[in-house]
Amino acid sequence: MLAPEQLERINFLANKAKTDGLSPQEMDEQQALRQQYLKAFRQSFKSQMMGMKVVDPDGNDVTPEKLKDEQKRHRSE
């Protein structure tokens, strides 16, 4: 995930945009920080998905084949 300072800056810019508006430089900074945040979020989510296993109440593995294939491909990288 992003550093706490970066998250604070994202929140600061979001609040400033609602109240005072942002300068063009701040808008560029906000967009860059959002892209960094989304990239980190997607990496974290993908990591969680690669470790997931779906089990029904009877204990049978019912993980979708598409996810199983992606997990196998991810392990071989």
PDB file of N, CA and C in Angstrom:
ATOM      1  N   MET A   1       0.832  -1.188   0.000  1.00  0.00           N
ATOM      2  CA  MET A   1       0.000   0.000   0.000  1.00  0.00           C
ATOM      3  C   MET A   1       0.872   1.245   0.000  1.00  0.00           C
ATOM      4  N   LEU A   2       0.253   2.365  -0.110  1.00  0.00           N
ATOM      5  CA  LEU A   2       0.982   3.627  -0.123  1.00  0.00           C
ATOM      6  C   LEU A   2       1.422   4.017   1.280  1.00  0.00           C
ATOM      7  N   ALA A   3       2.422   4.864   1.338  1.00  0.00           N
ATOM      8  CA  ALA A   3       2.897   5.384   2.616  1.00  0.00           C
ATOM      9  C   ALA A   3       1.802   6.253   3.245  1.00  0.00           C
ATOM     10  N   PRO A   4       1.761   6.299   4.565  1.00  0.00           N
ATOM     11  CA  PRO A   4       0.736   7.124   5.234  1.00  0.00           C
ATOM     12  C   PRO A   4       0.765   8.595   4.787  1.00  0.00           C
ATOM     13  N   GLU A   5       1.959   9.106   4.491  1.00  0.00           N
ATOM     14  CA  GLU A   5       2.056  10.499   4.051  1.00  0.00           C
ATOM     15  C   GLU A   5       1.347  10.702   2.714  1.00  0.00           C
ATOM     16  N   GLN A   6       1.458   9.706   1.838  1.00  0.00           N
ATOM     17  CA  GLN A   6       0.805   9.812   0.537  1.00  0.00           C
ATOM     18  C   GLN A   6      -0.717   9.747   0.687  1.00  0.00           C
ATOM     19  N   LEU A   7      -1.193   8.879   1.572  1.00  0.00           N
ATOM     20  CA  LEU A   7      -2.642   8.801   1.810  1.00  0.00           C
ATOM     21  C   LEU A   7      -3.161  10.102   2.412  1.00  0.00           C
ATOM     22  N   GLU A   8      -2.401  10.677   3.333  1.00  0.00           N
ATOM     23  CA  GLU A   8      -2.790  11.962   3.910  1.00  0.00           C
ATOM     24  C   GLU A   8      -2.862  13.038   2.827  1.00  0.00           C
ATOM     25  N   ARG A   9      -1.902  13.017   1.915  1.00  0.00           N
ATOM     26  CA  ARG A   9      -1.874  14.010   0.839  1.00  0.00           C
ATOM     27  C   ARG A   9      -3.073  13.826  -0.092  1.00  0.00           C
ATOM     28  N   ILE A  10      -3.413  12.572  -0.397  1.00  0.00           N
ATOM     29  CA  ILE A  10      -4.598  12.295  -1.226  1.00  0.00           C
ATOM     30  C   ILE A  10      -5.839  12.880  -0.565  1.00  0.00           C
ATOM     31  N   ASN A  11      -5.991  12.630   0.725  1.00  0.00           N
ATOM     32  CA  ASN A  11      -7.155  13.134   1.449  1.00  0.00           C
ATOM     33  C   ASN A  11      -7.157  14.658   1.524  1.00  0.00           C
ATOM     34  N   PHE A  12      -5.981  15.241   1.744  1.00  0.00           N
ATOM     35  CA  PHE A  12      -5.885  16.699   1.796  1.00  0.00           C
ATOM     36  C   PHE A  12      -6.326  17.312   0.471  1.00  0.00           C
ATOM     37  N   LEU A  13      -5.812  16.767  -0.625  1.00  0.00           N
ATOM     38  CA  LEU A  13      -6.166  17.302  -1.941  1.00  0.00           C
ATOM     39  C   LEU A  13      -7.648  17.109  -2.247  1.00  0.00           C
ATOM     40  N   ALA A  14      -8.206  15.984  -1.823  1.00  0.00           N
ATOM     41  CA  ALA A  14      -9.637  15.746  -2.054  1.00  0.00           C
ATOM     42  C   ALA A  14     -10.478  16.767  -1.294  1.00  0.00           C
ATOM     43  N   ASN A  15     -10.105  17.016  -0.045  1.00  0.00           N
ATOM     44  CA  ASN A  15     -10.848  18.009   0.741  1.00  0.00           C
ATOM     45  C   ASN A  15     -10.677  19.411   0.181  1.00  0.00           C
ATOM     46  N   LYS A  16      -9.466  19.724  -0.244  1.00  0.00           N
ATOM     47  CA  LYS A  16      -9.216  21.051  -0.808  1.00  0.00           C
ATOM     48  C   LYS A  16      -9.994  21.237  -2.110  1.00  0.00           C
ATOM     49  N   ALA A  17     -10.087  20.186  -2.903  1.00  0.00           N
ATOM     50  CA  ALA A  17     -10.838  20.271  -4.156  1.00  0.00           C
ATOM     51  C   ALA A  17     -12.302  20.588  -3.888  1.00  0.00           C
ATOM     52  N   LYS A  18     -12.840  20.062  -2.795  1.00  0.00           N
ATOM     53  CA  LYS A  18     -14.245  20.306  -2.462  1.00  0.00           C
ATOM     54  C   LYS A  18     -14.469  21.722  -1.936  1.00  0.00           C
ATOM     55  N   THR A  19     -13.478  22.274  -1.250  1.00  0.00           N
ATOM     56  CA  THR A  19     -13.676  23.573  -0.619  1.00  0.00           C
ATOM     57  C   THR A  19     -13.125  24.731  -1.447  1.00  0.00           C
ATOM     58  N   ASP A  20     -11.819  24.716  -1.714  1.00  0.00           N
ATOM     59  CA  ASP A  20     -11.168  25.857  -2.369  1.00  0.00           C
ATOM     60  C   ASP A  20     -10.889  25.650  -3.850  1.00  0.00           C
ATOM     61  N   GLY A  21     -10.866  24.412  -4.287  1.00  0.00           N
ATOM     62  CA  GLY A  21     -10.449  24.111  -5.648  1.00  0.00           C
ATOM     63  C   GLY A  21      -8.951  23.877  -5.693  1.00  0.00           C
ATOM     64  N   LEU A  22      -8.505  23.257  -6.751  1.00  0.00           N
ATOM     65  CA  LEU A  22      -7.091  22.905  -6.880  1.00  0.00           C
ATOM     66  C   LEU A  22      -6.445  23.677  -8.025  1.00  0.00           C
ATOM     67  N   SER A  23      -5.157  23.947  -7.846  1.00  0.00           N
ATOM     68  CA  SER A  23      -4.385  24.558  -8.926  1.00  0.00           C
ATOM     69  C   SER A  23      -4.090  23.466  -9.954  1.00  0.00           C
ATOM     70  N   PRO A  24      -3.683  23.835 -11.157  1.00  0.00           N
ATOM     71  CA  PRO A  24      -3.351  22.811 -12.160  1.00  0.00           C
ATOM     72  C   PRO A  24      -2.257  21.845 -11.679  1.00  0.00           C
ATOM     73  N   GLN A  25      -1.262  22.351 -10.944  1.00  0.00           N
ATOM     74  CA  GLN A  25      -0.201  21.486 -10.422  1.00  0.00           C
ATOM     75  C   GLN A  25      -0.762  20.503  -9.388  1.00  0.00           C
ATOM     76  N   GLU A  26      -1.668  20.983  -8.556  1.00  0.00           N
ATOM     77  CA  GLU A  26      -2.274  20.102  -7.549  1.00  0.00           C
ATOM     78  C   GLU A  26      -3.165  19.052  -8.209  1.00  0.00           C
ATOM     79  N   MET A  27      -3.839  19.437  -9.285  1.00  0.00           N
ATOM     80  CA  MET A  27      -4.659  18.456 -10.007  1.00  0.00           C
ATOM     81  C   MET A  27      -3.787  17.361 -10.600  1.00  0.00           C
ATOM     82  N   ASP A  28      -2.639  17.743 -11.148  1.00  0.00           N
ATOM     83  CA  ASP A  28      -1.706  16.749 -11.691  1.00  0.00           C
ATOM     84  C   ASP A  28      -1.183  15.842 -10.585  1.00  0.00           C
ATOM     85  N   GLU A  29      -0.843  16.447  -9.443  1.00  0.00           N
ATOM     86  CA  GLU A  29      -0.352  15.662  -8.307  1.00  0.00           C
ATOM     87  C   GLU A  29      -1.436  14.705  -7.822  1.00  0.00           C
ATOM     88  N   GLN A  30      -2.667  15.189  -7.734  1.00  0.00           N
ATOM     89  CA  GLN A  30      -3.770  14.353  -7.276  1.00  0.00           C
ATOM     90  C   GLN A  30      -3.971  13.168  -8.222  1.00  0.00           C
ATOM     91  N   GLN A  31      -3.918  13.414  -9.510  1.00  0.00           N
ATOM     92  CA  GLN A  31      -4.092  12.340 -10.490  1.00  0.00           C
ATOM     93  C   GLN A  31      -2.971  11.315 -10.375  1.00  0.00           C
ATOM     94  N   ALA A  32      -1.732  11.781 -10.205  1.00  0.00           N
ATOM     95  CA  ALA A  32      -0.592  10.869 -10.067  1.00  0.00           C
ATOM     96  C   ALA A  32      -0.727  10.025  -8.799  1.00  0.00           C
ATOM     97  N   LEU A  33      -1.136  10.654  -7.701  1.00  0.00           N
ATOM     98  CA  LEU A  33      -1.321   9.914  -6.442  1.00  0.00           C
ATOM     99  C   LEU A  33      -2.449   8.896  -6.559  1.00  0.00           C
ATOM    100  N   ARG A  34      -3.515   9.260  -7.250  1.00  0.00           N
ATOM    101  CA  ARG A  34      -4.625   8.321  -7.457  1.00  0.00           C
ATOM    102  C   ARG A  34      -4.166   7.105  -8.259  1.00  0.00           C
ATOM    103  N   GLN A  35      -3.353   7.341  -9.289  1.00  0.00           N
ATOM    104  CA  GLN A  35      -2.855   6.223 -10.095  1.00  0.00           C
ATOM    105  C   GLN A  35      -1.959   5.309  -9.264  1.00  0.00           C
ATOM    106  N   GLN A  36      -1.111   5.891  -8.417  1.00  0.00           N
ATOM    107  CA  GLN A  36      -0.264   5.084  -7.528  1.00  0.00           C
ATOM    108  C   GLN A  36      -1.126   4.265  -6.581  1.00  0.00           C
ATOM    109  N   TYR A  37      -2.163   4.904  -6.025  1.00  0.00           N
ATOM    110  CA  TYR A  37      -3.057   4.212  -5.093  1.00  0.00           C
ATOM    111  C   TYR A  37      -3.760   3.052  -5.790  1.00  0.00           C
ATOM    112  N   LEU A  38      -4.286   3.283  -6.980  1.00  0.00           N
ATOM    113  CA  LEU A  38      -4.987   2.229  -7.711  1.00  0.00           C
ATOM    114  C   LEU A  38      -4.058   1.069  -8.055  1.00  0.00           C
ATOM    115  N   LYS A  39      -2.834   1.381  -8.440  1.00  0.00           N
ATOM    116  CA  LYS A  39      -1.864   0.335  -8.760  1.00  0.00           C
ATOM    117  C   LYS A  39      -1.581  -0.521  -7.522  1.00  0.00           C
ATOM    118  N   ALA A  40      -1.368   0.128  -6.380  1.00  0.00           N
ATOM    119  CA  ALA A  40      -1.103  -0.601  -5.132  1.00  0.00           C
ATOM    120  C   ALA A  40      -2.323  -1.431  -4.728  1.00  0.00           C
ATOM    121  N   PHE A  41      -3.518  -0.862  -4.873  1.00  0.00           N
ATOM    122  CA  PHE A  41      -4.747  -1.572  -4.524  1.00  0.00           C
ATOM    123  C   PHE A  41      -4.914  -2.820  -5.384  1.00  0.00           C
ATOM    124  N   ARG A  42      -4.699  -2.665  -6.684  1.00  0.00           N
ATOM    125  CA  ARG A  42      -4.857  -3.802  -7.595  1.00  0.00           C
ATOM    126  C   ARG A  42      -3.851  -4.904  -7.296  1.00  0.00           C
ATOM    127  N   GLN A  43      -2.608  -4.527  -6.988  1.00  0.00           N
ATOM    128  CA  GLN A  43      -1.593  -5.519  -6.653  1.00  0.00           C
ATOM    129  C   GLN A  43      -1.984  -6.265  -5.379  1.00  0.00           C
ATOM    130  N   SER A  44      -2.465  -5.546  -4.389  1.00  0.00           N
ATOM    131  CA  SER A  44      -2.880  -6.161  -3.133  1.00  0.00           C
ATOM    132  C   SER A  44      -4.059  -7.106  -3.350  1.00  0.00           C
ATOM    133  N   PHE A  45      -5.032  -6.656  -4.132  1.00  0.00           N
ATOM    134  CA  PHE A  45      -6.213  -7.477  -4.408  1.00  0.00           C
ATOM    135  C   PHE A  45      -5.829  -8.752  -5.158  1.00  0.00           C
ATOM    136  N   LYS A  46      -4.954  -8.617  -6.145  1.00  0.00           N
ATOM    137  CA  LYS A  46      -4.522  -9.783  -6.917  1.00  0.00           C
ATOM    138  C   LYS A  46      -3.785 -10.771  -6.022  1.00  0.00           C
ATOM    139  N   SER A  47      -2.965 -10.251  -5.125  1.00  0.00           N
ATOM    140  CA  SER A  47      -2.241 -11.110  -4.183  1.00  0.00           C
ATOM    141  C   SER A  47      -3.222 -11.900  -3.310  1.00  0.00           C
ATOM    142  N   GLN A  48      -4.267 -11.243  -2.853  1.00  0.00           N
ATOM    143  CA  GLN A  48      -5.283 -11.922  -2.038  1.00  0.00           C
ATOM    144  C   GLN A  48      -6.003 -12.995  -2.850  1.00  0.00           C
ATOM    145  N   MET A  49      -6.325 -12.674  -4.088  1.00  0.00           N
ATOM    146  CA  MET A  49      -7.026 -13.639  -4.941  1.00  0.00           C
ATOM    147  C   MET A  49      -6.169 -14.868  -5.225  1.00  0.00           C
ATOM    148  N   MET A  50      -4.866 -14.679  -5.357  1.00  0.00           N
ATOM    149  CA  MET A  50      -3.980 -15.801  -5.669  1.00  0.00           C
ATOM    150  C   MET A  50      -3.890 -16.788  -4.507  1.00  0.00           C
ATOM    151  N   GLY A  51      -4.234 -16.349  -3.304  1.00  0.00           N
ATOM    152  CA  GLY A  51      -4.204 -17.237  -2.145  1.00  0.00           C
ATOM    153  C   GLY A  51      -5.577 -17.762  -1.748  1.00  0.00           C
ATOM    154  N   MET A  52      -6.595 -17.461  -2.531  1.00  0.00           N
ATOM    155  CA  MET A  52      -7.968 -17.800  -2.169  1.00  0.00           C
ATOM    156  C   MET A  52      -8.348 -19.205  -2.630  1.00  0.00           C
ATOM    157  N   LYS A  53      -9.131 -19.853  -1.795  1.00  0.00           N
ATOM    158  CA  LYS A  53      -9.697 -21.156  -2.130  1.00  0.00           C
ATOM    159  C   LYS A  53     -11.151 -21.125  -1.669  1.00  0.00           C
ATOM    160  N   VAL A  54     -12.060 -21.518  -2.536  1.00  0.00           N
ATOM    161  CA  VAL A  54     -13.487 -21.497  -2.219  1.00  0.00           C
ATOM    162  C   VAL A  54     -13.911 -22.924  -1.876  1.00  0.00           C
ATOM    163  N   VAL A  55     -14.534 -23.069  -0.697  1.00  0.00           N
ATOM    164  CA  VAL A  55     -14.952 -24.383  -0.217  1.00  0.00           C
ATOM    165  C   VAL A  55     -16.440 -24.332   0.106  1.00  0.00           C
ATOM    166  N   ASP A  56     -17.183 -25.351  -0.340  1.00  0.00           N
ATOM    167  CA  ASP A  56     -18.617 -25.401  -0.040  1.00  0.00           C
ATOM    168  C   ASP A  56     -18.817 -25.955   1.385  1.00  0.00           C
ATOM    169  N   PRO A  57     -20.050 -25.950   1.889  1.00  0.00           N
ATOM    170  CA  PRO A  57     -20.303 -26.417   3.257  1.00  0.00           C
ATOM    171  C   PRO A  57     -19.880 -27.872   3.509  1.00  0.00           C
ATOM    172  N   ASP A  58     -19.789 -28.677   2.465  1.00  0.00           N
ATOM    173  CA  ASP A  58     -19.378 -30.070   2.619  1.00  0.00           C
ATOM    174  C   ASP A  58     -17.861 -30.235   2.609  1.00  0.00           C
ATOM    175  N   GLY A  59     -17.137 -29.151   2.395  1.00  0.00           N
ATOM    176  CA  GLY A  59     -15.683 -29.215   2.377  1.00  0.00           C
ATOM    177  C   GLY A  59     -15.081 -29.463   1.006  1.00  0.00           C
ATOM    178  N   ASN A  60     -15.890 -29.420  -0.016  1.00  0.00           N
ATOM    179  CA  ASN A  60     -15.400 -29.636  -1.381  1.00  0.00           C
ATOM    180  C   ASN A  60     -14.838 -28.333  -1.949  1.00  0.00           C
ATOM    181  N   ASP A  61     -13.736 -28.450  -2.654  1.00  0.00           N
ATOM    182  CA  ASP A  61     -13.130 -27.291  -3.297  1.00  0.00           C
ATOM    183  C   ASP A  61     -13.983 -26.918  -4.514  1.00  0.00           C
ATOM    184  N   VAL A  62     -14.574 -25.733  -4.481  1.00  0.00           N
ATOM    185  CA  VAL A  62     -15.406 -25.262  -5.586  1.00  0.00           C
ATOM    186  C   VAL A  62     -14.845 -23.967  -6.177  1.00  0.00           C
ATOM    187  N   THR A  63     -13.545 -23.809  -6.062  1.00  0.00           N
ATOM    188  CA  THR A  63     -12.887 -22.641  -6.624  1.00  0.00           C
ATOM    189  C   THR A  63     -13.107 -22.629  -8.137  1.00  0.00           C
ATOM    190  N   PRO A  64     -13.524 -21.496  -8.686  1.00  0.00           N
ATOM    191  CA  PRO A  64     -13.740 -21.434 -10.140  1.00  0.00           C
ATOM    192  C   PRO A  64     -12.470 -21.818 -10.907  1.00  0.00           C
ATOM    193  N   GLU A  65     -12.660 -22.528 -11.998  1.00  0.00           N
ATOM    194  CA  GLU A  65     -11.528 -22.997 -12.803  1.00  0.00           C
ATOM    195  C   GLU A  65     -10.675 -21.831 -13.311  1.00  0.00           C
ATOM    196  N   LYS A  66     -11.317 -20.744 -13.638  1.00  0.00           N
ATOM    197  CA  LYS A  66     -10.574 -19.579 -14.129  1.00  0.00           C
ATOM    198  C   LYS A  66      -9.589 -19.092 -13.064  1.00  0.00           C
ATOM    199  N   LEU A  67     -10.027 -19.069 -11.805  1.00  0.00           N
ATOM    200  CA  LEU A  67      -9.144 -18.656 -10.713  1.00  0.00           C
ATOM    201  C   LEU A  67      -8.044 -19.688 -10.487  1.00  0.00           C
ATOM    202  N   LYS A  68      -8.394 -20.970 -10.544  1.00  0.00           N
ATOM    203  CA  LYS A  68      -7.384 -22.021 -10.378  1.00  0.00           C
ATOM    204  C   LYS A  68      -6.313 -21.915 -11.459  1.00  0.00           C
ATOM    205  N   ASP A  69      -6.727 -21.685 -12.687  1.00  0.00           N
ATOM    206  CA  ASP A  69      -5.774 -21.543 -13.791  1.00  0.00           C
ATOM    207  C   ASP A  69      -4.854 -20.344 -13.570  1.00  0.00           C
ATOM    208  N   GLU A  70      -5.428 -19.249 -13.124  1.00  0.00           N
ATOM    209  CA  GLU A  70      -4.630 -18.042 -12.869  1.00  0.00           C
ATOM    210  C   GLU A  70      -3.654 -18.279 -11.712  1.00  0.00           C
ATOM    211  N   GLN A  71      -4.087 -18.996 -10.685  1.00  0.00           N
ATOM    212  CA  GLN A  71      -3.201 -19.305  -9.561  1.00  0.00           C
ATOM    213  C   GLN A  71      -2.036 -20.181 -10.015  1.00  0.00           C
ATOM    214  N   LYS A  72      -2.315 -21.166 -10.863  1.00  0.00           N
ATOM    215  CA  LYS A  72      -1.247 -22.026 -11.385  1.00  0.00           C
ATOM    216  C   LYS A  72      -0.268 -21.207 -12.216  1.00  0.00           C
ATOM    217  N   ARG A  73      -0.787 -20.333 -13.050  1.00  0.00           N
ATOM    218  CA  ARG A  73       0.055 -19.504 -13.900  1.00  0.00           C
ATOM    219  C   ARG A  73       0.896 -18.561 -13.046  1.00  0.00           C
ATOM    220  N   HIS A  74       0.299 -18.035 -11.993  1.00  0.00           N
ATOM    221  CA  HIS A  74       0.994 -17.093 -11.098  1.00  0.00           C
ATOM    222  C   HIS A  74       2.134 -17.811 -10.357  1.00  0.00           C
ATOM    223  N   ARG A  75       1.896 -19.051  -9.932  1.00  0.00           N
ATOM    224  CA  ARG A  75       2.933 -19.820  -9.206  1.00  0.00           C
ATOM    225  C   ARG A  75       4.110 -20.151 -10.087  1.00  0.00           C
ATOM    226  N   SER A  76       3.869 -20.341 -11.374  1.00  0.00           N
ATOM    227  CA  SER A  76       4.934 -20.740 -12.281  1.00  0.00           C
ATOM    228  C   SER A  76       5.798 -19.553 -12.728  1.00  0.00           C
ATOM    229  N   GLU A  77       5.367 -18.338 -12.433  1.00  0.00           N
ATOM    230  CA  GLU A  77       6.133 -17.138 -12.844  1.00  0.00           C
ATOM    231  C   GLU A  77       7.315 -16.916 -11.959  1.00  0.00           C
TER     232      GLU A  77
END
